[in-house]
Amino acid sequence: MSWETVIGLEIHVQLATKSKIFSAASTAYGAEPNTQACAIDLGMPGVLPVLNGEAVRMAVKFGLAVEARIAPRSVFARKNYFYPDLPKGYQISQYELPIVGLGHLDIHLDDGASRRIGITRAHLEEDAGKSLHEDFHGCSGIDLNRAGTPLLEIVSEPDLRSAREAVAYMKKIHALVRYLEICDGNMQEGSFRCDANVSVRPAGQTALGTRTELKNLNSFRFVERAINLEVERQIDVLEGGGSVVQETRLYDSARDETRSMRSKEEAFDYRYFPDPDLLPVILDEDYIEAVRETLPELPDARRERFMYEYGLSAYEADVLTASREMADYFEAAERASDGETRLTANWVMGDLMGALNKAGLDITESPVSAQMLGGMIRRIGDETISGKIAKQVFAAMWQGEGDADEIIEQKGLKQVTDSGAIEQIIDGILAANPQQLEQYRAGKEKLFGFFVGQVMKATQGKANPAQVNAILKQKLSSS
């Protein structure tokens, strides 16, 4: 039987506020356990939550970016459940009336295809604490620093049809929230994580199959692997005559398997009701339009502009707009290069990204600034140095030896462009290699590369390659 996969993602985005969603406690990462949880976060008697207005602004900003309906009135509710890292016994979230309604996001796949993925809603909520199982013998520790941290939970429609599409969608959301500067996107620190709802159904069937939820996936690789494993498992169960059980499952990367965690709860299990301590959030058109005016150029718009303005391919535009920082770097380098767009794109996607990946650095941590790279590319463009010499210059800039002009001057790397000097060197090489010259003129044209190599060796790689080729061809063709 042929099966179709149906996937919906719930992405949890930690908002980049300095304080928590209902208290003034810090959200800074890395503090000692339980040093950033105040009486409000702990739900002590008599305390009252106060909504963080910056969290509301960030949620609205996201909603506008995905062309969603912004609710003029949204309500916080209490989601009741017991867990040791939830000291209040409930989580404050939004249920029936979320702040962001229906929207959409377009994803671009490796084969060039595009798909529009619906966004059901995005709602504000507080995070729970964290259970610690390492370094404890026979018990668990509880760190409540994260309790009350503002989250935006982004729920997609079940529009995704493969793990590959799910990863593309997740990466697009990741890039978008960083463009909007509402989340740092740090997956290792838990700032960006995902739950995946996965089901399968016979191809052509419209009714959805029974879904399972894969909980707390915190890397793109884990999302893809966990979904593929779960799809295989569900198909095996169904083809074996069994039934898929609705449940929450965990992905164990060490064992490369998904396993049951608990039966899947429904909304009524949480006994949602409006939080009596929080007023409804009322947003008027003036507020929404004021937030709209703060939107940056969004990834899709920038991608299209890069293709139109710089003549880049769809693939190149995808790579160079994958993050706001990468796009900013490319444009700054292109300006500094005096319009050497093609060279700039090649250097950013090639040598620069290769060096960053090898060093495990982000573009924001590059030892070679955009201005430095653009300055070096400008010297390739005006033929001060060749592309080969530029690799030496780049390596020196990476090591902190200065900018391109300083390195070229200090190391004497200026390209030889004096045609008379190049011609004199070529004459000497031809005279010193009569046998190879005779063989070339007899039809062994592969020896052209030999002569070029001898010229470059004689000039320590500084001769202008185009001039060398032109003069050498002229000399070799004359009797």
Protein backbone atom coordinates (compact mmCIF):
# COMPACT_ATOMS: atom_id res chain seq x y z
CA MET A 1 0.00 0.00 0.00
CA SER A 2 1.11 3.56 -0.72
CA TRP A 3 1.09 5.88 2.28
CA GLU A 4 0.95 9.66 2.67
CA THR A 5 2.61 11.44 5.58
CA VAL A 6 0.84 14.31 7.34
CA ILE A 7 2.83 16.59 9.65
CA GLY A 8 2.05 19.65 11.71
CA LEU A 9 4.65 21.48 13.80
CA GLU A 10 4.33 23.35 17.09
CA ILE A 11 7.38 25.59 17.33
CA HIS A 12 8.23 27.17 20.68
CA VAL A 13 10.06 30.48 20.27
CA GLN A 14 11.61 32.05 23.36
CA LEU A 15 11.05 35.79 23.01
CA ALA A 16 14.09 38.00 23.42
CA THR A 17 12.76 40.10 26.29
CA LYS A 18 15.05 41.05 29.17
CA SER A 19 12.47 40.09 31.76
CA LYS A 20 9.84 37.38 32.07
CA ILE A 21 6.34 37.51 30.69
CA PHE A 22 4.59 38.20 34.01
CA SER A 23 7.41 39.36 36.31
CA ALA A 24 10.53 41.51 36.39
CA ALA A 25 12.86 38.52 36.88
CA SER A 26 15.73 38.25 34.39
CA THR A 27 15.64 35.89 31.41
CA ALA A 28 19.46 35.85 31.00
CA TYR A 29 20.78 32.39 30.18
CA GLY A 30 23.34 30.52 32.27
CA ALA A 31 22.66 31.77 35.81
CA GLU A 32 23.05 29.47 38.81
CA PRO A 33 19.92 27.29 39.31
CA ASN A 34 16.98 28.98 41.02
CA THR A 35 18.59 32.43 41.18
CA GLN A 36 16.25 34.02 38.61
CA ALA A 37 12.86 32.87 39.85
CA CYS A 38 10.88 35.40 41.87
CA ALA A 39 7.74 35.00 43.98
CA ILE A 40 5.51 35.60 40.94
CA ASP A 41 7.25 32.87 38.92
CA LEU A 42 6.84 30.50 41.86
CA GLY A 43 3.14 31.30 42.30
CA MET A 44 3.48 32.34 45.92
CA PRO A 45 0.26 33.36 47.73
CA GLY A 46 -0.87 36.94 47.15
CA VAL A 47 1.29 37.69 44.13
CA LEU A 48 -0.20 39.00 40.89
CA PRO A 49 1.18 38.65 37.36
CA VAL A 50 1.74 41.77 35.22
CA LEU A 51 1.92 41.29 31.44
CA ASN A 52 5.20 42.24 29.73
CA GLY A 53 4.24 44.66 26.94
CA GLU A 54 7.38 43.86 24.96
CA ALA A 55 6.28 40.22 24.63
CA VAL A 56 2.96 41.42 23.17
CA ARG A 57 4.77 43.67 20.68
CA MET A 58 7.01 40.79 19.54
CA ALA A 59 4.03 38.48 19.06
CA VAL A 60 2.25 41.09 16.94
CA LYS A 61 5.43 41.65 14.93
CA PHE A 62 5.56 37.95 14.09
CA GLY A 63 1.86 37.85 13.19
CA LEU A 64 2.24 40.74 10.76
CA ALA A 65 5.28 39.08 9.15
CA VAL A 66 3.25 35.96 8.29
CA GLU A 67 0.24 38.00 7.14
CA ALA A 68 -1.87 36.67 9.99
CA ARG A 69 -4.92 38.18 11.61
CA ILE A 70 -3.99 40.04 14.79
CA ALA A 71 -6.71 39.59 17.38
CA PRO A 72 -8.12 42.88 18.71
CA ARG A 73 -8.93 40.98 21.90
CA SER A 74 -6.99 37.98 23.24
CA VAL A 75 -7.26 36.22 26.57
CA PHE A 76 -4.85 34.36 28.86
CA ALA A 77 -6.00 31.08 30.36
CA ARG A 78 -4.77 28.65 32.97
CA LYS A 79 -3.64 25.29 31.65
CA ASN A 80 -3.83 22.97 34.65
CA TYR A 81 -1.48 20.03 35.11
CA PHE A 82 0.92 18.74 37.74
CA TYR A 83 4.64 18.45 37.18
CA PRO A 84 7.53 19.13 39.61
CA ASP A 85 8.93 21.98 37.48
CA LEU A 86 5.54 23.78 37.45
CA PRO A 87 5.23 25.08 41.03
CA LYS A 88 1.90 26.88 40.47
CA GLY A 89 0.17 23.71 39.27
CA TYR A 90 -0.85 25.53 36.08
CA GLN A 91 0.75 27.26 33.11
CA ILE A 92 -0.52 30.62 31.90
CA SER A 93 -1.16 30.30 28.17
CA GLN A 94 -3.68 31.37 25.54
CA TYR A 95 -6.30 28.91 24.38
CA GLU A 96 -9.58 29.96 22.75
CA LEU A 97 -8.56 33.55 21.92
CA PRO A 98 -4.87 33.67 20.86
CA ILE A 99 -3.14 36.91 19.92
CA VAL A 100 -2.23 35.72 16.37
CA GLY A 101 -4.75 33.97 14.13
CA LEU A 102 -4.60 32.38 10.68
CA GLY A 103 -1.51 33.17 8.60
CA HIS A 104 0.87 31.46 6.20
CA LEU A 105 4.50 30.99 5.24
CA ASP A 106 6.00 29.97 1.88
CA ILE A 107 8.83 27.44 1.88
CA HIS A 108 11.32 26.81 -0.93
CA LEU A 109 12.55 23.24 -1.43
CA ASP A 110 15.87 21.99 -2.79
CA ASP A 111 14.32 20.99 -6.12
CA GLY A 112 13.14 24.58 -6.70
CA ALA A 113 9.52 23.90 -5.76
CA SER A 114 7.64 26.22 -3.39
CA ARG A 115 4.78 25.40 -1.02
CA ARG A 116 2.52 27.56 1.11
CA ILE A 117 2.14 26.26 4.67
CA GLY A 118 -0.78 27.48 6.75
CA ILE A 119 -0.25 28.80 10.25
CA THR A 120 -3.20 28.03 12.50
CA ARG A 121 -2.28 30.36 15.34
CA ALA A 122 0.52 31.74 17.47
CA HIS A 123 -0.11 32.29 21.14
CA LEU A 124 1.78 33.69 24.10
CA GLU A 125 2.54 31.58 27.13
CA GLU A 126 5.02 31.19 29.96
CA ASP A 127 7.66 28.47 30.02
CA ALA A 128 7.93 25.92 32.81
CA GLY A 129 11.06 25.16 34.82
CA LYS A 130 13.53 22.42 34.01
CA SER A 131 14.05 19.00 35.57
CA LEU A 132 17.70 18.02 35.99
CA HIS A 133 18.54 14.32 36.03
CA GLU A 134 22.33 14.45 35.68
CA ASP A 135 24.65 14.63 38.70
CA PHE A 136 21.91 13.41 41.02
CA HIS A 137 21.84 9.90 42.46
CA GLY A 138 18.37 8.42 42.73
CA CYS A 139 16.59 11.76 42.45
CA SER A 140 16.08 14.76 40.18
CA GLY A 141 16.83 18.43 40.67
CA ILE A 142 14.54 21.29 39.68
CA ASP A 143 15.81 24.56 38.21
CA LEU A 144 13.08 27.20 38.06
CA ASN A 145 15.11 29.91 36.33
CA ARG A 146 13.22 29.27 33.09
CA ALA A 147 9.79 29.40 34.77
CA GLY A 148 7.91 32.40 33.41
CA THR A 149 10.15 32.95 30.39
CA PRO A 150 7.98 34.30 27.53
CA LEU A 151 7.24 31.89 24.69
CA LEU A 152 5.44 32.30 21.40
CA GLU A 153 4.04 28.93 20.32
CA ILE A 154 3.57 28.82 16.54
CA VAL A 155 1.17 26.10 15.40
CA SER A 156 1.11 25.06 11.75
CA GLU A 157 -1.72 23.50 9.80
CA PRO A 158 -1.17 19.78 8.97
CA ASP A 159 0.13 20.86 5.56
CA LEU A 160 3.59 19.30 5.64
CA ARG A 161 4.03 16.06 3.71
CA SER A 162 7.58 14.95 4.50
CA ALA A 163 10.37 15.37 7.02
CA ARG A 164 12.21 17.40 4.38
CA GLU A 165 9.32 19.87 4.15
CA ALA A 166 9.08 20.01 7.95
CA VAL A 167 12.76 20.96 8.23
CA ALA A 168 12.41 23.57 5.45
CA TYR A 169 9.44 25.12 7.29
CA MET A 170 11.23 25.05 10.64
CA LYS A 171 14.33 26.68 9.12
CA LYS A 172 12.13 29.36 7.55
CA ILE A 173 10.53 30.16 10.93
CA HIS A 174 13.98 30.15 12.53
CA ALA A 175 15.30 32.65 9.99
CA LEU A 176 12.17 34.80 10.27
CA VAL A 177 12.24 35.21 14.06
CA ARG A 178 15.91 36.16 13.85
CA TYR A 179 15.20 38.68 11.06
CA LEU A 180 12.48 40.16 13.29
CA GLU A 181 14.92 40.17 16.25
CA ILE A 182 12.31 38.60 18.52
CA CYS A 183 14.37 35.46 19.27
CA ASP A 184 18.08 34.61 19.19
CA GLY A 185 17.24 31.17 17.74
CA ASN A 186 19.80 29.40 19.94
CA MET A 187 18.69 25.78 19.84
CA GLN A 188 21.35 24.52 22.25
CA GLU A 189 20.02 26.86 24.92
CA GLY A 190 16.41 25.90 24.23
CA SER A 191 15.41 29.25 22.71
CA PHE A 192 13.95 27.51 19.67
CA ARG A 193 12.46 24.03 19.89
CA CYS A 194 9.73 22.03 18.25
CA ASP A 195 7.04 19.39 18.79
CA ALA A 196 6.03 17.44 15.68
CA ASN A 197 2.58 15.90 15.21
CA VAL A 198 2.94 12.99 12.80
CA SER A 199 0.40 10.67 11.17
CA VAL A 200 0.12 8.55 8.04
CA ARG A 201 -2.86 7.66 5.85
CA PRO A 202 -3.43 5.64 2.68
CA ALA A 203 -2.61 7.72 -0.40
CA GLY A 204 -5.76 9.41 -1.67
CA GLN A 205 -7.58 9.29 1.66
CA THR A 206 -8.80 12.67 2.95
CA ALA A 207 -9.44 11.72 6.58
CA LEU A 208 -6.45 12.20 8.86
CA GLY A 209 -4.82 9.22 10.55
CA THR A 210 -4.16 8.91 14.29
CA ARG A 211 -1.30 11.22 15.21
CA THR A 212 1.54 10.98 17.65
CA GLU A 213 3.43 13.93 19.08
CA LEU A 214 7.23 13.96 19.06
CA LYS A 215 8.24 16.17 21.96
CA ASN A 216 11.05 18.73 22.42
CA LEU A 217 13.11 18.38 19.25
CA ASN A 218 15.93 20.91 19.39
CA SER A 219 17.86 20.50 16.15
CA PHE A 220 16.95 20.37 12.47
CA ARG A 221 18.74 17.05 12.12
CA PHE A 222 16.80 15.53 15.01
CA VAL A 223 13.49 16.78 13.57
CA GLU A 224 14.17 15.11 10.23
CA ARG A 225 15.43 11.86 11.75
CA ALA A 226 12.66 11.60 14.38
CA ILE A 227 9.88 12.19 11.84
CA ASN A 228 11.29 9.64 9.38
CA LEU A 229 11.62 7.05 12.14
CA GLU A 230 8.09 7.70 13.38
CA VAL A 231 6.63 7.46 9.87
CA GLU A 232 8.37 4.11 9.37
CA ARG A 233 7.11 2.88 12.75
CA GLN A 234 3.49 3.87 12.07
CA ILE A 235 3.49 2.26 8.62
CA ASP A 236 4.92 -0.97 10.11
CA VAL A 237 2.17 -0.96 12.78
CA LEU A 238 -0.63 -0.42 10.25
CA GLU A 239 0.68 -2.89 7.68
CA GLY A 240 1.03 -5.42 10.49
CA GLY A 241 -2.68 -5.13 11.22
CA GLY A 242 -2.32 -2.95 14.33
CA SER A 243 -3.58 0.52 15.21
CA VAL A 244 -1.54 3.64 15.93
CA VAL A 245 -2.10 4.88 19.48
CA GLN A 246 -2.43 8.62 20.06
CA GLU A 247 0.43 9.41 22.41
CA THR A 248 3.41 11.63 23.13
CA ARG A 249 6.76 10.11 22.17
CA LEU A 250 10.38 11.07 22.73
CA TYR A 251 13.21 10.86 20.21
CA ASP A 252 16.31 9.21 21.67
CA SER A 253 19.24 10.34 19.50
CA ALA A 254 21.67 7.96 21.24
CA ARG A 255 19.56 4.91 20.35
CA ASP A 256 18.14 6.52 17.18
CA GLU A 257 14.56 5.59 18.07
CA THR A 258 11.28 7.10 19.19
CA ARG A 259 9.64 5.67 22.29
CA SER A 260 6.43 6.21 24.19
CA MET A 261 6.41 8.89 26.89
CA ARG A 262 2.74 9.16 27.86
CA SER A 263 -0.77 9.02 26.40
CA LYS A 264 -1.66 12.19 24.50
CA GLU A 265 -3.76 14.62 26.46
CA GLU A 266 -6.70 16.49 24.96
CA ALA A 267 -7.62 20.08 25.74
CA PHE A 268 -10.29 19.06 28.26
CA ASP A 269 -7.64 17.21 30.28
CA TYR A 270 -6.05 20.56 31.11
CA ARG A 271 -9.28 22.21 32.35
CA TYR A 272 -8.55 25.52 30.62
CA PHE A 273 -10.30 28.59 32.03
CA PRO A 274 -9.59 32.34 31.73
CA ASP A 275 -6.94 33.51 34.19
CA PRO A 276 -8.76 35.66 36.77
CA ASP A 277 -5.62 37.70 37.52
CA LEU A 278 -5.06 38.92 33.95
CA LEU A 279 -7.22 41.29 31.92
CA PRO A 280 -7.89 40.61 28.22
CA VAL A 281 -5.27 42.07 25.85
CA ILE A 282 -6.92 44.81 23.76
CA LEU A 283 -5.07 46.03 20.66
CA ASP A 284 -6.35 48.85 18.46
CA GLU A 285 -5.46 49.54 14.83
CA ASP A 286 -3.09 52.37 15.74
CA TYR A 287 -1.01 50.01 17.88
CA ILE A 288 -0.92 47.32 15.19
CA GLU A 289 0.07 49.81 12.48
CA ALA A 290 2.79 51.25 14.72
CA VAL A 291 4.26 47.76 15.07
CA ARG A 292 3.94 47.19 11.31
CA GLU A 293 6.13 50.23 10.69
CA THR A 294 8.97 48.57 12.63
CA LEU A 295 9.09 45.49 10.38
CA PRO A 296 12.43 45.01 8.59
CA GLU A 297 12.76 43.78 5.02
CA LEU A 298 11.54 40.19 5.39
CA PRO A 299 13.45 37.11 4.12
CA ASP A 300 11.25 36.45 1.07
CA ALA A 301 11.33 40.08 -0.03
CA ARG A 302 15.10 40.22 0.43
CA ARG A 303 15.53 36.96 -1.47
CA GLU A 304 13.56 38.34 -4.44
CA ARG A 305 15.50 41.62 -4.33
CA PHE A 306 18.85 39.79 -4.32
CA MET A 307 17.81 37.90 -7.44
CA TYR A 308 16.56 41.03 -9.21
CA GLU A 309 19.11 43.61 -8.03
CA TYR A 310 22.26 41.47 -7.94
CA GLY A 311 21.43 38.90 -10.63
CA LEU A 312 21.84 35.98 -8.23
CA SER A 313 20.33 32.56 -8.80
CA ALA A 314 17.54 31.29 -6.54
CA TYR A 315 20.03 29.01 -4.79
CA GLU A 316 22.53 31.83 -4.20
CA ALA A 317 19.79 34.13 -2.92
CA ASP A 318 18.59 31.38 -0.56
CA VAL A 319 22.09 30.91 0.88
CA LEU A 320 22.83 34.62 1.24
CA THR A 321 19.50 35.46 2.89
CA ALA A 322 19.40 32.40 5.17
CA SER A 323 19.98 34.76 8.10
CA ARG A 324 19.69 38.50 8.49
CA GLU A 325 23.34 38.66 9.54
CA MET A 326 24.51 36.80 6.43
CA ALA A 327 22.46 39.05 4.14
CA ASP A 328 23.77 42.17 5.89
CA TYR A 329 27.35 40.90 5.57
CA PHE A 330 26.98 40.21 1.85
CA GLU A 331 25.51 43.63 1.10
CA ALA A 332 28.17 45.43 3.15
CA ALA A 333 30.95 43.47 1.41
CA GLU A 334 29.41 44.10 -2.01
CA ARG A 335 29.34 47.86 -1.34
CA ALA A 336 32.96 47.81 -0.16
CA SER A 337 33.98 45.90 -3.31
CA ASP A 338 32.85 48.76 -5.57
CA GLY A 339 30.16 46.64 -7.21
CA GLU A 340 32.08 43.39 -7.75
CA THR A 341 28.84 41.48 -7.08
CA ARG A 342 29.70 38.12 -8.63
CA LEU A 343 33.11 37.95 -6.97
CA THR A 344 31.59 38.95 -3.63
CA ALA A 345 28.91 36.27 -3.78
CA ASN A 346 31.49 33.63 -4.70
CA TRP A 347 33.86 34.63 -1.90
CA VAL A 348 31.14 34.81 0.76
CA MET A 349 29.62 31.45 -0.20
CA GLY A 350 32.99 29.82 -0.85
CA ASP A 351 36.12 30.74 1.08
CA LEU A 352 34.44 32.72 3.85
CA MET A 353 31.72 30.19 4.68
CA GLY A 354 34.24 27.36 4.39
CA ALA A 355 36.54 29.04 6.90
CA LEU A 356 33.65 29.81 9.26
CA ASN A 357 32.38 26.21 9.14
CA LYS A 358 35.87 24.84 9.75
CA ALA A 359 36.33 27.12 12.76
CA GLY A 360 32.79 26.55 14.03
CA LEU A 361 32.02 30.27 13.91
CA ASP A 362 28.88 32.22 13.06
CA ILE A 363 29.01 34.99 10.46
CA THR A 364 28.78 37.52 13.32
CA GLU A 365 32.04 36.12 14.72
CA SER A 366 34.02 36.30 11.48
CA PRO A 367 37.60 37.60 11.97
CA VAL A 368 37.31 39.07 8.46
CA SER A 369 34.77 41.90 8.45
CA ALA A 370 32.55 42.64 5.46
CA GLN A 371 34.55 45.81 4.81
CA MET A 372 37.82 43.87 4.85
CA LEU A 373 36.54 41.20 2.46
CA GLY A 374 35.04 43.83 0.15
CA GLY A 375 38.33 45.74 0.17
CA MET A 376 40.23 42.63 -0.87
CA ILE A 377 37.72 41.87 -3.64
CA ARG A 378 38.12 45.45 -4.87
CA ARG A 379 41.84 44.76 -5.33
CA ILE A 380 41.02 41.65 -7.38
CA GLY A 381 38.70 43.76 -9.51
CA ASP A 382 41.28 46.48 -10.21
CA GLU A 383 43.93 43.78 -10.88
CA THR A 384 46.18 44.77 -7.98
CA ILE A 385 46.14 41.08 -7.02
CA SER A 386 45.02 37.90 -8.75
CA GLY A 387 42.42 35.48 -7.45
CA LYS A 388 45.22 33.11 -6.43
CA ILE A 389 47.10 35.79 -4.49
CA ALA A 390 43.78 36.79 -2.89
CA LYS A 391 43.69 33.44 -1.09
CA GLN A 392 46.99 34.35 0.60
CA VAL A 393 45.60 37.77 1.50
CA PHE A 394 42.41 36.25 2.90
CA ALA A 395 44.38 33.78 5.04
CA ALA A 396 46.46 36.64 6.44
CA MET A 397 43.35 38.73 7.18
CA TRP A 398 41.82 35.71 8.94
CA GLN A 399 44.92 35.55 11.14
CA GLY A 400 44.51 39.21 12.08
CA GLU A 401 47.46 40.61 10.11
CA GLY A 402 45.54 43.67 8.88
CA ASP A 403 43.33 44.63 5.97
CA ALA A 404 43.99 43.73 2.34
CA ASP A 405 45.94 46.86 1.41
CA GLU A 406 48.23 46.53 4.45
CA ILE A 407 48.92 42.86 3.75
CA ILE A 408 49.52 43.41 0.01
CA GLU A 409 52.02 46.17 0.82
CA GLN A 410 53.78 44.34 3.68
CA LYS A 411 54.16 41.07 1.78
CA GLY A 412 54.86 42.58 -1.64
CA LEU A 413 51.92 40.81 -3.26
CA LYS A 414 51.06 43.32 -5.96
CA GLN A 415 50.32 41.66 -9.26
CA VAL A 416 52.78 42.19 -12.12
CA THR A 417 50.78 43.92 -14.86
CA ASP A 418 53.66 45.46 -16.83
CA SER A 419 53.24 43.71 -20.20
CA GLY A 420 56.83 44.50 -21.14
CA ALA A 421 58.16 42.80 -18.02
CA ILE A 422 55.89 39.79 -18.54
CA GLU A 423 56.96 39.53 -22.19
CA GLN A 424 60.64 39.58 -21.18
CA ILE A 425 60.05 36.74 -18.66
CA ILE A 426 58.17 34.68 -21.28
CA ASP A 427 60.98 35.14 -23.82
CA GLY A 428 63.45 33.83 -21.27
CA ILE A 429 61.33 30.78 -20.48
CA LEU A 430 60.78 29.91 -24.14
CA ALA A 431 64.52 30.20 -24.76
CA ALA A 432 65.26 27.96 -21.77
CA ASN A 433 62.84 25.24 -22.91
CA PRO A 434 63.44 24.68 -26.65
CA GLN A 435 62.38 21.02 -26.58
CA GLN A 436 58.97 21.81 -25.03
CA LEU A 437 58.58 24.74 -27.45
CA GLU A 438 59.22 22.46 -30.43
CA GLN A 439 56.76 19.84 -29.11
CA TYR A 440 54.06 22.49 -28.57
CA ARG A 441 54.42 23.82 -32.10
CA ALA A 442 54.28 20.23 -33.37
CA GLY A 443 50.78 19.92 -31.92
CA LYS A 444 51.25 19.00 -28.23
CA GLU A 445 49.02 21.84 -27.01
CA LYS A 446 48.80 20.53 -23.44
CA LEU A 447 52.26 22.03 -22.92
CA PHE A 448 50.63 25.46 -22.81
CA GLY A 449 49.91 24.82 -19.14
CA PHE A 450 53.59 24.00 -18.60
CA PHE A 451 54.66 27.39 -19.95
CA VAL A 452 52.03 29.23 -17.89
CA GLY A 453 53.27 27.42 -14.77
CA GLN A 454 56.87 28.41 -15.51
CA VAL A 455 55.88 32.07 -15.89
CA MET A 456 53.91 32.06 -12.66
CA LYS A 457 56.78 30.33 -10.88
CA ALA A 458 59.23 32.91 -12.17
CA THR A 459 57.00 35.76 -10.95
CA GLN A 460 56.12 34.01 -7.64
CA GLY A 461 52.49 33.88 -8.77
CA LYS A 462 52.28 37.65 -9.18
CA ALA A 463 51.92 37.90 -12.95
CA ASN A 464 48.47 38.82 -14.24
CA PRO A 465 47.10 35.48 -15.52
CA ALA A 466 45.07 37.05 -18.34
CA GLN A 467 48.10 38.95 -19.63
CA VAL A 468 50.31 35.86 -19.33
CA ASN A 469 47.85 33.80 -21.38
CA ALA A 470 47.46 36.46 -24.06
CA ILE A 471 51.18 37.18 -24.51
CA LEU A 472 52.12 33.49 -24.31
CA LYS A 473 49.59 32.54 -26.99
CA GLN A 474 50.94 35.27 -29.24
CA LYS A 475 54.55 34.14 -28.72
CA LEU A 476 53.79 30.45 -29.18
CA SER A 477 51.83 31.00 -32.38
CA SER A 478 54.62 33.00 -34.04
CA SER A 479 57.28 31.01 -35.84
